[in-house]
PDB file of N, CA and C in Angstrom:
ATOM      1  N   UNK A   1     135.140 112.013  74.029  1.00  0.00           N
ATOM      2  CA  UNK A   1     134.099 111.536  74.917  1.00  0.00           C
ATOM      3  C   UNK A   1     134.726 111.186  76.260  1.00  0.00           C
ATOM      4  N   UNK A   2     134.093 111.597  77.363  1.00  0.00           N
ATOM      5  CA  UNK A   2     134.632 111.252  78.680  1.00  0.00           C
ATOM      6  C   UNK A   2     134.604 109.735  78.893  1.00  0.00           C
ATOM      7  N   UNK A   3     135.642 109.187  79.490  1.00  0.00           N
ATOM      8  CA  UNK A   3     135.700 107.726  79.684  1.00  0.00           C
ATOM      9  C   UNK A   3     134.509 107.178  80.465  1.00  0.00           C
ATOM     10  N   UNK A   4     133.949 107.967  81.358  1.00  0.00           N
ATOM     11  CA  UNK A   4     132.810 107.499  82.148  1.00  0.00           C
ATOM     12  C   UNK A   4     131.547 107.286  81.332  1.00  0.00           C
ATOM     13  N   UNK A   5     131.475 107.894  80.165  1.00  0.00           N
ATOM     14  CA  UNK A   5     130.284 107.778  79.309  1.00  0.00           C
ATOM     15  C   UNK A   5     130.446 106.710  78.226  1.00  0.00           C
ATOM     16  N   UNK A   6     131.606 106.143  78.115  1.00  0.00           N
ATOM     17  CA  UNK A   6     131.871 105.181  77.040  1.00  0.00           C
ATOM     18  C   UNK A   6     130.924 103.986  77.111  1.00  0.00           C
ATOM     19  N   UNK A   7     130.774 103.392  78.306  1.00  0.00           N
ATOM     20  CA  UNK A   7     129.906 102.220  78.445  1.00  0.00           C
ATOM     21  C   UNK A   7     128.464 102.568  78.091  1.00  0.00           C
ATOM     22  N   UNK A   8     128.011 103.752  78.494  1.00  0.00           N
ATOM     23  CA  UNK A   8     126.649 104.172  78.186  1.00  0.00           C
ATOM     24  C   UNK A   8     126.447 104.288  76.675  1.00  0.00           C
ATOM     25  N   UNK A   9     127.390 104.916  76.005  1.00  0.00           N
ATOM     26  CA  UNK A   9     127.264 105.114  74.553  1.00  0.00           C
ATOM     27  C   UNK A   9     127.348 103.778  73.822  1.00  0.00           C
ATOM     28  N   UNK A  10     128.226 102.892  74.272  1.00  0.00           N
ATOM     29  CA  UNK A  10     128.317 101.566  73.644  1.00  0.00           C
ATOM     30  C   UNK A  10     127.010 100.803  73.840  1.00  0.00           C
ATOM     31  N   UNK A  11     126.453 100.851  75.050  1.00  0.00           N
ATOM     32  CA  UNK A  11     125.177 100.189  75.318  1.00  0.00           C
ATOM     33  C   UNK A  11     124.048 100.758  74.482  1.00  0.00           C
ATOM     34  N   UNK A  12     124.034 102.073  74.340  1.00  0.00           N
ATOM     35  CA  UNK A  12     123.021 102.725  73.510  1.00  0.00           C
ATOM     36  C   UNK A  12     123.155 102.279  72.054  1.00  0.00           C
ATOM     37  N   UNK A  13     124.385 102.207  71.570  1.00  0.00           N
ATOM     38  CA  UNK A  13     124.622 101.753  70.201  1.00  0.00           C
ATOM     39  C   UNK A  13     124.188 100.311  69.986  1.00  0.00           C
ATOM     40  N   UNK A  14     124.471  99.449  70.964  1.00  0.00           N
ATOM     41  CA  UNK A  14     124.051  98.047  70.852  1.00  0.00           C
ATOM     42  C   UNK A  14     122.527  97.934  70.872  1.00  0.00           C
ATOM     43  N   UNK A  15     121.897  98.706  71.731  1.00  0.00           N
ATOM     44  CA  UNK A  15     120.431  98.682  71.788  1.00  0.00           C
ATOM     45  C   UNK A  15     119.831  99.112  70.452  1.00  0.00           C
ATOM     46  N   UNK A  16     120.377 100.165  69.884  1.00  0.00           N
ATOM     47  CA  UNK A  16     119.909 100.635  68.582  1.00  0.00           C
ATOM     48  C   UNK A  16     120.105  99.554  67.521  1.00  0.00           C
ATOM     49  N   UNK A  17     121.244  98.872  67.560  1.00  0.00           N
ATOM     50  CA  UNK A  17     121.506  97.800  66.595  1.00  0.00           C
ATOM     51  C   UNK A  17     120.499  96.664  66.747  1.00  0.00           C
ATOM     52  N   UNK A  18     120.148  96.315  67.971  1.00  0.00           N
ATOM     53  CA  UNK A  18     119.150  95.264  68.193  1.00  0.00           C
ATOM     54  C   UNK A  18     117.786  95.675  67.644  1.00  0.00           C
ATOM     55  N   UNK A  19     117.406  96.913  67.869  1.00  0.00           N
ATOM     56  CA  UNK A  19     116.104  97.386  67.374  1.00  0.00           C
ATOM     57  C   UNK A  19     116.081  97.366  65.851  1.00  0.00           C
ATOM     58  N   UNK A  20     117.136  97.856  65.227  1.00  0.00           N
ATOM     59  CA  UNK A  20     117.198  97.869  63.762  1.00  0.00           C
ATOM     60  C   UNK A  20     117.213  96.437  63.220  1.00  0.00           C
ATOM     61  N   UNK A  21     118.011  95.568  63.840  1.00  0.00           N
ATOM     62  CA  UNK A  21     118.061  94.170  63.409  1.00  0.00           C
ATOM     63  C   UNK A  21     116.714  93.476  63.539  1.00  0.00           C
ATOM     64  N   UNK A  22     116.026  93.742  64.633  1.00  0.00           N
ATOM     65  CA  UNK A  22     114.695  93.154  64.823  1.00  0.00           C
ATOM     66  C   UNK A  22     113.706  93.665  63.782  1.00  0.00           C
ATOM     67  N   UNK A  23     113.748  94.954  63.518  1.00  0.00           N
ATOM     68  CA  UNK A  23     112.837  95.533  62.518  1.00  0.00           C
ATOM     69  C   UNK A  23     113.082  94.911  61.151  1.00  0.00           C
ATOM     70  N   UNK A  24     114.339  94.755  60.787  1.00  0.00           N
ATOM     71  CA  UNK A  24     114.659  94.135  59.496  1.00  0.00           C
ATOM     72  C   UNK A  24     114.197  92.677  59.482  1.00  0.00           C
ATOM     73  N   UNK A  25     114.444  91.964  60.571  1.00  0.00           N
ATOM     74  CA  UNK A  25     114.021  90.563  60.656  1.00  0.00           C
ATOM     75  C   UNK A  25     112.518  90.406  60.526  1.00  0.00           C
ATOM     76  N   UNK A  26     111.754  91.267  61.219  1.00  0.00           N
ATOM     77  CA  UNK A  26     110.302  91.186  61.117  1.00  0.00           C
ATOM     78  C   UNK A  26     109.817  91.556  59.725  1.00  0.00           C
ATOM     79  N   UNK A  27     110.484  92.514  59.097  1.00  0.00           N
ATOM     80  CA  UNK A  27     110.102  92.876  57.727  1.00  0.00           C
ATOM     81  C   UNK A  27     110.308  91.691  56.781  1.00  0.00           C
ATOM     82  N   UNK A  28     111.417  90.996  56.934  1.00  0.00           N
ATOM     83  CA  UNK A  28     111.684  89.821  56.092  1.00  0.00           C
ATOM     84  C   UNK A  28     110.669  88.717  56.383  1.00  0.00           C
ATOM     85  N   UNK A  29     110.391  88.460  57.661  1.00  0.00           N
ATOM     86  CA  UNK A  29     109.398  87.441  58.013  1.00  0.00           C
ATOM     87  C   UNK A  29     108.020  87.780  57.448  1.00  0.00           C
ATOM     88  N   UNK A  30     107.620  89.036  57.573  1.00  0.00           N
ATOM     89  CA  UNK A  30     106.314  89.448  57.054  1.00  0.00           C
ATOM     90  C   UNK A  30     106.266  89.280  55.538  1.00  0.00           C
ATOM     91  N   UNK A  31     107.370  89.588  54.880  1.00  0.00           N
ATOM     92  CA  UNK A  31     107.418  89.452  53.425  1.00  0.00           C
ATOM     93  C   UNK A  31     107.304  87.983  53.014  1.00  0.00           C
ATOM     94  N   UNK A  32     107.956  87.100  53.757  1.00  0.00           N
ATOM     95  CA  UNK A  32     107.959  85.687  53.402  1.00  0.00           C
ATOM     96  C   UNK A  32     106.713  84.937  53.870  1.00  0.00           C
ATOM     97  N   UNK A  33     106.140  85.324  55.006  1.00  0.00           N
ATOM     98  CA  UNK A  33     105.055  84.542  55.599  1.00  0.00           C
ATOM     99  C   UNK A  33     103.737  85.291  55.734  1.00  0.00           C
ATOM    100  N   UNK A  34     103.690  86.544  55.340  1.00  0.00           N
ATOM    101  CA  UNK A  34     102.458  87.316  55.478  1.00  0.00           C
ATOM    102  C   UNK A  34     102.352  87.924  56.872  1.00  0.00           C
ATOM    103  N   UNK A  35     101.178  88.442  57.211  1.00  0.00           N
ATOM    104  CA  UNK A  35     101.002  89.088  58.512  1.00  0.00           C
ATOM    105  C   UNK A  35     101.302  88.130  59.668  1.00  0.00           C
ATOM    106  N   UNK A  36     102.014  88.632  60.659  1.00  0.00           N
ATOM    107  CA  UNK A  36     102.430  87.802  61.788  1.00  0.00           C
ATOM    108  C   UNK A  36     101.491  87.917  62.978  1.00  0.00           C
ATOM    109  N   UNK A  37     100.582  88.877  62.967  1.00  0.00           N
ATOM    110  CA  UNK A  37      99.644  89.048  64.064  1.00  0.00           C
ATOM    111  C   UNK A  37     100.304  89.515  65.353  1.00  0.00           C
ATOM    112  N   UNK A  38     101.271  90.394  65.251  1.00  0.00           N
ATOM    113  CA  UNK A  38     102.009  90.864  66.421  1.00  0.00           C
ATOM    114  C   UNK A  38     101.621  92.269  66.855  1.00  0.00           C
ATOM    115  N   UNK A  39     100.557  92.807  66.283  1.00  0.00           N
ATOM    116  CA  UNK A  39     100.169  94.178  66.631  1.00  0.00           C
ATOM    117  C   UNK A  39      99.841  94.295  68.124  1.00  0.00           C
ATOM    118  N   UNK A  40      99.100  93.325  68.667  1.00  0.00           N
ATOM    119  CA  UNK A  40      98.731  93.395  70.086  1.00  0.00           C
ATOM    120  C   UNK A  40      99.971  93.276  70.979  1.00  0.00           C
ATOM    121  N   UNK A  41     100.927  92.464  70.571  1.00  0.00           N
ATOM    122  CA  UNK A  41     102.166  92.336  71.333  1.00  0.00           C
ATOM    123  C   UNK A  41     102.946  93.640  71.308  1.00  0.00           C
ATOM    124  N   UNK A  42     103.014  94.272  70.157  1.00  0.00           N
ATOM    125  CA  UNK A  42     103.707  95.556  70.041  1.00  0.00           C
ATOM    126  C   UNK A  42     103.044  96.639  70.884  1.00  0.00           C
ATOM    127  N   UNK A  43     101.717  96.657  70.879  1.00  0.00           N
ATOM    128  CA  UNK A  43     101.000  97.636  71.699  1.00  0.00           C
ATOM    129  C   UNK A  43     101.243  97.397  73.187  1.00  0.00           C
ATOM    130  N   UNK A  44     101.286  96.141  73.580  1.00  0.00           N
ATOM    131  CA  UNK A  44     101.560  95.826  74.977  1.00  0.00           C
ATOM    132  C   UNK A  44     102.952  96.297  75.371  1.00  0.00           C
ATOM    133  N   UNK A  45     103.935  96.065  74.510  1.00  0.00           N
ATOM    134  CA  UNK A  45     105.298  96.526  74.796  1.00  0.00           C
ATOM    135  C   UNK A  45     105.352  98.047  74.924  1.00  0.00           C
ATOM    136  N   UNK A  46     104.603  98.737  74.071  1.00  0.00           N
ATOM    137  CA  UNK A  46     104.560 100.197  74.171  1.00  0.00           C
ATOM    138  C   UNK A  46     103.933 100.639  75.488  1.00  0.00           C
ATOM    139  N   UNK A  47     102.868  99.948  75.902  1.00  0.00           N
ATOM    140  CA  UNK A  47     102.223 100.285  77.172  1.00  0.00           C
ATOM    141  C   UNK A  47     103.154 100.018  78.356  1.00  0.00           C
ATOM    142  N   UNK A  48     103.981  98.994  78.260  1.00  0.00           N
ATOM    143  CA  UNK A  48     104.930  98.676  79.336  1.00  0.00           C
ATOM    144  C   UNK A  48     106.152  99.591  79.307  1.00  0.00           C
ATOM    145  N   UNK A  49     106.458 100.148  78.146  1.00  0.00           N
ATOM    146  CA  UNK A  49     107.657 100.988  78.027  1.00  0.00           C
ATOM    147  C   UNK A  49     107.536 102.269  78.837  1.00  0.00           C
ATOM    148  N   UNK A  50     106.349 102.844  78.893  1.00  0.00           N
ATOM    149  CA  UNK A  50     106.171 104.117  79.602  1.00  0.00           C
ATOM    150  C   UNK A  50     106.448 103.966  81.107  1.00  0.00           C
ATOM    151  N   UNK A  51     105.773 103.045  81.817  1.00  0.00           N
ATOM    152  CA  UNK A  51     106.095 102.922  83.244  1.00  0.00           C
ATOM    153  C   UNK A  51     107.516 102.418  83.490  1.00  0.00           C
ATOM    154  N   UNK A  52     108.027 101.597  82.581  1.00  0.00           N
ATOM    155  CA  UNK A  52     109.402 101.110  82.742  1.00  0.00           C
ATOM    156  C   UNK A  52     110.403 102.255  82.657  1.00  0.00           C
ATOM    157  N   UNK A  53     110.239 103.114  81.663  1.00  0.00           N
ATOM    158  CA  UNK A  53     111.149 104.246  81.499  1.00  0.00           C
ATOM    159  C   UNK A  53     111.017 105.227  82.656  1.00  0.00           C
ATOM    160  N   UNK A  54     109.780 105.470  83.089  1.00  0.00           N
ATOM    161  CA  UNK A  54     109.571 106.391  84.213  1.00  0.00           C
ATOM    162  C   UNK A  54     110.205 105.848  85.493  1.00  0.00           C
ATOM    163  N   UNK A  55     110.016 104.563  85.750  1.00  0.00           N
ATOM    164  CA  UNK A  55     110.612 103.950  86.942  1.00  0.00           C
ATOM    165  C   UNK A  55     112.130 103.975  86.860  1.00  0.00           C
ATOM    166  N   UNK A  56     112.681 103.669  85.701  1.00  0.00           N
ATOM    167  CA  UNK A  56     114.135 103.685  85.543  1.00  0.00           C
ATOM    168  C   UNK A  56     114.695 105.087  85.777  1.00  0.00           C
ATOM    169  N   UNK A  57     114.017 106.104  85.269  1.00  0.00           N
ATOM    170  CA  UNK A  57     114.478 107.480  85.468  1.00  0.00           C
ATOM    171  C   UNK A  57     114.416 107.870  86.939  1.00  0.00           C
ATOM    172  N   UNK A  58     113.323 107.528  87.609  1.00  0.00           N
ATOM    173  CA  UNK A  58     113.212 107.838  89.040  1.00  0.00           C
ATOM    174  C   UNK A  58     114.264 107.093  89.860  1.00  0.00           C
ATOM    175  N   UNK A  59     114.489 105.834  89.530  1.00  0.00           N
ATOM    176  CA  UNK A  59     115.498 105.060  90.250  1.00  0.00           C
ATOM    177  C   UNK A  59     116.901 105.624  90.018  1.00  0.00           C
ATOM    178  N   UNK A  60     117.163 106.104  88.802  1.00  0.00           N
ATOM    179  CA  UNK A  60     118.464 106.720  88.526  1.00  0.00           C
ATOM    180  C   UNK A  60     118.657 107.971  89.375  1.00  0.00           C
ATOM    181  N   UNK A  61     117.603 108.767  89.509  1.00  0.00           N
ATOM    182  CA  UNK A  61     117.693 109.960  90.355  1.00  0.00           C
ATOM    183  C   UNK A  61     117.911 109.588  91.824  1.00  0.00           C
ATOM    184  N   UNK A  62     117.201 108.561  92.294  1.00  0.00           N
ATOM    185  CA  UNK A  62     117.349 108.127  93.686  1.00  0.00           C
ATOM    186  C   UNK A  62     118.764 107.612  93.946  1.00  0.00           C
ATOM    187  N   UNK A  63     119.264 106.776  93.056  1.00  0.00           N
ATOM    188  CA  UNK A  63     120.619 106.237  93.231  1.00  0.00           C
ATOM    189  C   UNK A  63     121.643 107.361  93.195  1.00  0.00           C
ATOM    190  N   UNK A  64     121.482 108.295  92.274  1.00  0.00           N
ATOM    191  CA  UNK A  64     122.413 109.420  92.176  1.00  0.00           C
ATOM    192  C   UNK A  64     122.361 110.290  93.429  1.00  0.00           C
ATOM    193  N   UNK A  65     121.158 110.453  94.011  1.00  0.00           N
ATOM    194  CA  UNK A  65     121.029 111.269  95.226  1.00  0.00           C
ATOM    195  C   UNK A  65     121.601 110.551  96.450  1.00  0.00           C
ATOM    196  N   UNK A  66     121.352 109.245  96.538  1.00  0.00           N
ATOM    197  CA  UNK A  66     121.806 108.489  97.709  1.00  0.00           C
ATOM    198  C   UNK A  66     123.282 108.104  97.644  1.00  0.00           C
ATOM    199  N   UNK A  67     123.779 107.897  96.434  1.00  0.00           N
ATOM    200  CA  UNK A  67     125.171 107.474  96.280  1.00  0.00           C
ATOM    201  C   UNK A  67     125.820 108.241  95.132  1.00  0.00           C
ATOM    202  N   UNK A  68     126.066 109.544  95.321  1.00  0.00           N
ATOM    203  CA  UNK A  68     126.605 110.348  94.218  1.00  0.00           C
ATOM    204  C   UNK A  68     128.007 109.918  93.787  1.00  0.00           C
ATOM    205  N   UNK A  69     128.742 109.264  94.659  1.00  0.00           N
ATOM    206  CA  UNK A  69     130.103 108.843  94.311  1.00  0.00           C
ATOM    207  C   UNK A  69     130.164 107.393  93.833  1.00  0.00           C
ATOM    208  N   UNK A  70     129.016 106.786  93.565  1.00  0.00           N
ATOM    209  CA  UNK A  70     128.991 105.409  93.077  1.00  0.00           C
ATOM    210  C   UNK A  70     129.732 105.322  91.749  1.00  0.00           C
ATOM    211  N   UNK A  71     130.636 104.407  91.658  1.00  0.00           N
ATOM    212  CA  UNK A  71     131.424 104.240  90.450  1.00  0.00           C
ATOM    213  C   UNK A  71     132.773 104.922  90.496  1.00  0.00           C
ATOM    214  N   UNK A  72     133.035 105.679  91.541  1.00  0.00           N
ATOM    215  CA  UNK A  72     134.327 106.365  91.663  1.00  0.00           C
ATOM    216  C   UNK A  72     135.408 105.420  92.180  1.00  0.00           C
ATOM    217  N   UNK A  73     134.994 104.436  92.953  1.00  0.00           N
ATOM    218  CA  UNK A  73     135.931 103.477  93.542  1.00  0.00           C
ATOM    219  C   UNK A  73     136.113 102.326  92.562  1.00  0.00           C
ATOM    220  N   UNK A  74     137.286 101.741  92.545  1.00  0.00           N
ATOM    221  CA  UNK A  74     137.572 100.607  91.671  1.00  0.00           C
ATOM    222  C   UNK A  74     137.877  99.383  92.531  1.00  0.00           C
ATOM    223  N   UNK A  75     137.817  98.222  91.933  1.00  0.00           N
ATOM    224  CA  UNK A  75     138.194  96.992  92.617  1.00  0.00           C
ATOM    225  C   UNK A  75     136.998  96.238  93.161  1.00  0.00           C
ATOM    226  N   UNK A  76     137.270  95.406  94.160  1.00  0.00           N
ATOM    227  CA  UNK A  76     136.254  94.527  94.721  1.00  0.00           C
ATOM    228  C   UNK A  76     135.138  95.336  95.391  1.00  0.00           C
ATOM    229  N   UNK A  77     135.497  96.398  96.073  1.00  0.00           N
ATOM    230  CA  UNK A  77     134.490  97.235  96.720  1.00  0.00           C
ATOM    231  C   UNK A  77     133.500  97.790  95.703  1.00  0.00           C
ATOM    232  N   UNK A  78     133.995  98.229  94.578  1.00  0.00           N
ATOM    233  CA  UNK A  78     133.117  98.752  93.528  1.00  0.00           C
ATOM    234  C   UNK A  78     132.204  97.656  92.990  1.00  0.00           C
ATOM    235  N   UNK A  79     132.732  96.456  92.857  1.00  0.00           N
ATOM    236  CA  UNK A  79     131.938  95.329  92.379  1.00  0.00           C
ATOM    237  C   UNK A  79     130.802  95.017  93.353  1.00  0.00           C
ATOM    238  N   UNK A  80     131.115  95.021  94.639  1.00  0.00           N
ATOM    239  CA  UNK A  80     130.099  94.747  95.651  1.00  0.00           C
ATOM    240  C   UNK A  80     129.062  95.865  95.675  1.00  0.00           C
ATOM    241  N   UNK A  81     129.512  97.120  95.664  1.00  0.00           N
ATOM    242  CA  UNK A  81     128.571  98.247  95.658  1.00  0.00           C
ATOM    243  C   UNK A  81     127.659  98.197  94.435  1.00  0.00           C
ATOM    244  N   UNK A  82     128.247  98.005  93.292  1.00  0.00           N
ATOM    245  CA  UNK A  82     127.462  97.946  92.062  1.00  0.00           C
ATOM    246  C   UNK A  82     126.482  96.790  92.064  1.00  0.00           C
ATOM    247  N   UNK A  83     126.917  95.646  92.565  1.00  0.00           N
ATOM    248  CA  UNK A  83     126.031  94.488  92.638  1.00  0.00           C
ATOM    249  C   UNK A  83     124.846  94.720  93.557  1.00  0.00           C
ATOM    250  N   UNK A  84     125.100  95.351  94.709  1.00  0.00           N
ATOM    251  CA  UNK A  84     124.014  95.640  95.645  1.00  0.00           C
ATOM    252  C   UNK A  84     123.023  96.647  95.062  1.00  0.00           C
ATOM    253  N   UNK A  85     123.549  97.686  94.440  1.00  0.00           N
ATOM    254  CA  UNK A  85     122.670  98.693  93.824  1.00  0.00           C
ATOM    255  C   UNK A  85     121.873  98.060  92.688  1.00  0.00           C
ATOM    256  N   UNK A  86     122.532  97.268  91.863  1.00  0.00           N
ATOM    257  CA  UNK A  86     121.844  96.619  90.750  1.00  0.00           C
ATOM    258  C   UNK A  86     120.754  95.675  91.250  1.00  0.00           C
ATOM    259  N   UNK A  87     121.032  94.925  92.309  1.00  0.00           N
ATOM    260  CA  UNK A  87     120.030  94.012  92.854  1.00  0.00           C
ATOM    261  C   UNK A  87     118.819  94.781  93.383  1.00  0.00           C
ATOM    262  N   UNK A  88     119.064  95.856  94.119  1.00  0.00           N
ATOM    263  CA  UNK A  88     117.953  96.629  94.689  1.00  0.00           C
ATOM    264  C   UNK A  88     117.141  97.316  93.599  1.00  0.00           C
ATOM    265  N   UNK A  89     117.817  97.997  92.704  1.00  0.00           N
ATOM    266  CA  UNK A  89     117.135  98.735  91.634  1.00  0.00           C
ATOM    267  C   UNK A  89     116.430  97.765  90.681  1.00  0.00           C
ATOM    268  N   UNK A  90     117.082  96.667  90.361  1.00  0.00           N
ATOM    269  CA  UNK A  90     116.475  95.674  89.473  1.00  0.00           C
ATOM    270  C   UNK A  90     115.220  95.062  90.057  1.00  0.00           C
ATOM    271  N   UNK A  91     115.231  94.831  91.372  1.00  0.00           N
ATOM    272  CA  UNK A  91     114.053  94.274  92.034  1.00  0.00           C
ATOM    273  C   UNK A  91     112.877  95.243  91.963  1.00  0.00           C
ATOM    274  N   UNK A  92     113.143  96.514  92.231  1.00  0.00           N
ATOM    275  CA  UNK A  92     112.065  97.519  92.159  1.00  0.00           C
ATOM    276  C   UNK A  92     111.552  97.633  90.723  1.00  0.00           C
ATOM    277  N   UNK A  93     112.439  97.706  89.761  1.00  0.00           N
ATOM    278  CA  UNK A  93     112.042  97.828  88.354  1.00  0.00           C
ATOM    279  C   UNK A  93     111.201  96.626  87.924  1.00  0.00           C
ATOM    280  N   UNK A  94     111.634  95.435  88.294  1.00  0.00           N
ATOM    281  CA  UNK A  94     110.907  94.222  87.938  1.00  0.00           C
ATOM    282  C   UNK A  94     109.521  94.201  88.582  1.00  0.00           C
ATOM    283  N   UNK A  95     109.441  94.612  89.838  1.00  0.00           N
ATOM    284  CA  UNK A  95     108.148  94.644  90.527  1.00  0.00           C
ATOM    285  C   UNK A  95     107.189  95.609  89.834  1.00  0.00           C
ATOM    286  N   UNK A  96     107.679  96.764  89.434  1.00  0.00           N
ATOM    287  CA  UNK A  96     106.816  97.740  88.752  1.00  0.00           C
ATOM    288  C   UNK A  96     106.353  97.201  87.402  1.00  0.00           C
ATOM    289  N   UNK A  97     107.267  96.660  86.624  1.00  0.00           N
ATOM    290  CA  UNK A  97     106.907  96.159  85.293  1.00  0.00           C
ATOM    291  C   UNK A  97     105.927  94.994  85.411  1.00  0.00           C
ATOM    292  N   UNK A  98     106.188  94.060  86.329  1.00  0.00           N
ATOM    293  CA  UNK A  98     105.267  92.935  86.501  1.00  0.00           C
ATOM    294  C   UNK A  98     103.912  93.408  87.008  1.00  0.00           C
ATOM    295  N   UNK A  99     103.904  94.384  87.909  1.00  0.00           N
ATOM    296  CA  UNK A  99     102.643  94.925  88.409  1.00  0.00           C
ATOM    297  C   UNK A  99     101.816  95.561  87.303  1.00  0.00           C
ATOM    298  N   UNK A 100     102.470  96.363  86.483  1.00  0.00           N
ATOM    299  CA  UNK A 100     101.760  96.999  85.364  1.00  0.00           C
ATOM    300  C   UNK A 100     101.299  95.950  84.362  1.00  0.00           C
ATOM    301  N   UNK A 101     102.137  94.978  84.083  1.00  0.00           N
ATOM    302  CA  UNK A 101     101.761  93.912  83.148  1.00  0.00           C
ATOM    303  C   UNK A 101     100.553  93.134  83.674  1.00  0.00           C
ATOM    304  N   UNK A 102     100.535  92.900  84.962  1.00  0.00           N
ATOM    305  CA  UNK A 102      99.387  92.196  85.537  1.00  0.00           C
ATOM    306  C   UNK A 102      98.117  93.043  85.421  1.00  0.00           C
ATOM    307  N   UNK A 103      98.232  94.340  85.689  1.00  0.00           N
ATOM    308  CA  UNK A 103      97.074  95.232  85.542  1.00  0.00           C
ATOM    309  C   UNK A 103      96.578  95.282  84.095  1.00  0.00           C
ATOM    310  N   UNK A 104      97.512  95.140  83.153  1.00  0.00           N
ATOM    311  CA  UNK A 104      97.137  95.144  81.736  1.00  0.00           C
ATOM    312  C   UNK A 104      96.602  93.789  81.275  1.00  0.00           C
ATOM    313  N   UNK A 105      96.653  92.793  82.163  1.00  0.00           N
ATOM    314  CA  UNK A 105      96.090  91.480  81.839  1.00  0.00           C
ATOM    315  C   UNK A 105      97.007  90.567  81.059  1.00  0.00           C
ATOM    316  N   UNK A 106      98.321  90.703  81.228  1.00  0.00           N
ATOM    317  CA  UNK A 106      99.252  89.801  80.553  1.00  0.00           C
ATOM    318  C   UNK A 106      99.160  88.438  81.242  1.00  0.00           C
ATOM    319  N   UNK A 107      98.682  87.460  80.513  1.00  0.00           N
ATOM    320  CA  UNK A 107      98.403  86.140  81.077  1.00  0.00           C
ATOM    321  C   UNK A 107      99.650  85.484  81.669  1.00  0.00           C
ATOM    322  N   UNK A 108     100.775  85.579  80.989  1.00  0.00           N
ATOM    323  CA  UNK A 108     101.986  84.924  81.460  1.00  0.00           C
ATOM    324  C   UNK A 108     102.447  85.478  82.814  1.00  0.00           C
ATOM    325  N   UNK A 109     102.301  86.772  82.996  1.00  0.00           N
ATOM    326  CA  UNK A 109     102.701  87.378  84.264  1.00  0.00           C
ATOM    327  C   UNK A 109     101.747  86.959  85.370  1.00  0.00           C
ATOM    328  N   UNK A 110     100.445  86.899  85.053  1.00  0.00           N
ATOM    329  CA  UNK A 110      99.474  86.457  86.051  1.00  0.00           C
ATOM    330  C   UNK A 110      99.746  85.016  86.477  1.00  0.00           C
ATOM    331  N   UNK A 111     100.069  84.161  85.521  1.00  0.00           N
ATOM    332  CA  UNK A 111     100.390  82.763  85.853  1.00  0.00           C
ATOM    333  C   UNK A 111     101.602  82.706  86.774  1.00  0.00           C
ATOM    334  N   UNK A 112     102.561  83.563  86.544  1.00  0.00           N
ATOM    335  CA  UNK A 112     103.768  83.598  87.362  1.00  0.00           C
ATOM    336  C   UNK A 112     103.489  84.150  88.759  1.00  0.00           C
ATOM    337  N   UNK A 113     102.660  85.182  88.851  1.00  0.00           N
ATOM    338  CA  UNK A 113     102.442  85.867  90.126  1.00  0.00           C
ATOM    339  C   UNK A 113     101.312  85.289  90.965  1.00  0.00           C
ATOM    340  N   UNK A 114     100.392  84.550  90.384  1.00  0.00           N
ATOM    341  CA  UNK A 114      99.248  84.031  91.138  1.00  0.00           C
ATOM    342  C   UNK A 114      99.647  83.201  92.357  1.00  0.00           C
ATOM    343  N   UNK A 115     100.590  82.253  92.247  1.00  0.00           N
ATOM    344  CA  UNK A 115     100.970  81.499  93.454  1.00  0.00           C
ATOM    345  C   UNK A 115     101.543  82.396  94.556  1.00  0.00           C
ATOM    346  N   UNK A 116     102.282  83.404  94.173  1.00  0.00           N
ATOM    347  CA  UNK A 116     102.868  84.317  95.160  1.00  0.00           C
ATOM    348  C   UNK A 116     101.782  85.132  95.844  1.00  0.00           C
ATOM    349  N   UNK A 117     100.842  85.669  95.063  1.00  0.00           N
ATOM    350  CA  UNK A 117      99.782  86.485  95.655  1.00  0.00           C
ATOM    351  C   UNK A 117      98.866  85.637  96.540  1.00  0.00           C
ATOM    352  N   UNK A 118      98.620  84.376  96.165  1.00  0.00           N
ATOM    353  CA  UNK A 118      97.809  83.497  97.022  1.00  0.00           C
ATOM    354  C   UNK A 118      98.493  83.265  98.371  1.00  0.00           C
ATOM    355  N   UNK A 119      99.791  83.034  98.346  1.00  0.00           N
ATOM    356  CA  UNK A 119     100.530  82.830  99.604  1.00  0.00           C
ATOM    357  C   UNK A 119     100.522  84.085 100.463  1.00  0.00           C
ATOM    358  N   UNK A 120     100.692  85.232  99.830  1.00  0.00           N
ATOM    359  CA  UNK A 120     100.665  86.483 100.589  1.00  0.00           C
ATOM    360  C   UNK A 120      99.293  86.722 101.213  1.00  0.00           C
ATOM    361  N   UNK A 121      98.233  86.389 100.491  1.00  0.00           N
ATOM    362  CA  UNK A 121      96.878  86.549 101.036  1.00  0.00           C
ATOM    363  C   UNK A 121      96.665  85.616 102.225  1.00  0.00           C
ATOM    364  N   UNK A 122      97.159  84.378 102.122  1.00  0.00           N
ATOM    365  CA  UNK A 122      97.053  83.438 103.253  1.00  0.00           C
ATOM    366  C   UNK A 122      97.809  83.944 104.465  1.00  0.00           C
ATOM    367  N   UNK A 123      99.003  84.514 104.230  1.00  0.00           N
ATOM    368  CA  UNK A 123      99.796  85.037 105.350  1.00  0.00           C
ATOM    369  C   UNK A 123      99.085  86.214 106.004  1.00  0.00           C
ATOM    370  N   UNK A 124      98.447  87.045 105.215  1.00  0.00           N
ATOM    371  CA  UNK A 124      97.746  88.212 105.752  1.00  0.00           C
ATOM    372  C   UNK A 124      96.543  87.805 106.595  1.00  0.00           C
ATOM    373  N   UNK A 125      95.843  86.756 106.142  1.00  0.00           N
ATOM    374  CA  UNK A 125      94.665  86.280 106.869  1.00  0.00           C
ATOM    375  C   UNK A 125      95.042  85.520 108.142  1.00  0.00           C
ATOM    376  N   UNK A 126      96.069  84.691 108.010  1.00  0.00           N
ATOM    377  CA  UNK A 126      96.379  83.764 109.110  1.00  0.00           C
ATOM    378  C   UNK A 126      97.419  84.263 109.988  1.00  0.00           C
TER     379      UNK A 126
END
């Protein structure tokens, strides 16, 4: 395996382990306590997964197009570059996921975003 892909494969393996561990945990909980009533939560996560994956794929293409040599440099410069890219990409990803969640009516996201949207509306008017 190429050294550049090692972190990706390790991350993929850890993600798979978390999913399997969660599935086993929920199976045990359901067996011990009966139905947990999480179907609506699972459906919401599935609805959020599609725009999240699409946004992540588009952002990966944009980053690769704008900075094809990202990750080639080592040291402090690489840390700063990676941090800046992560901050920018993470902000866009978070905005998309929160926007979709709000459109889907996720109460917790609306509670979080309502003060911000009220301030933005006041700024636009005034």
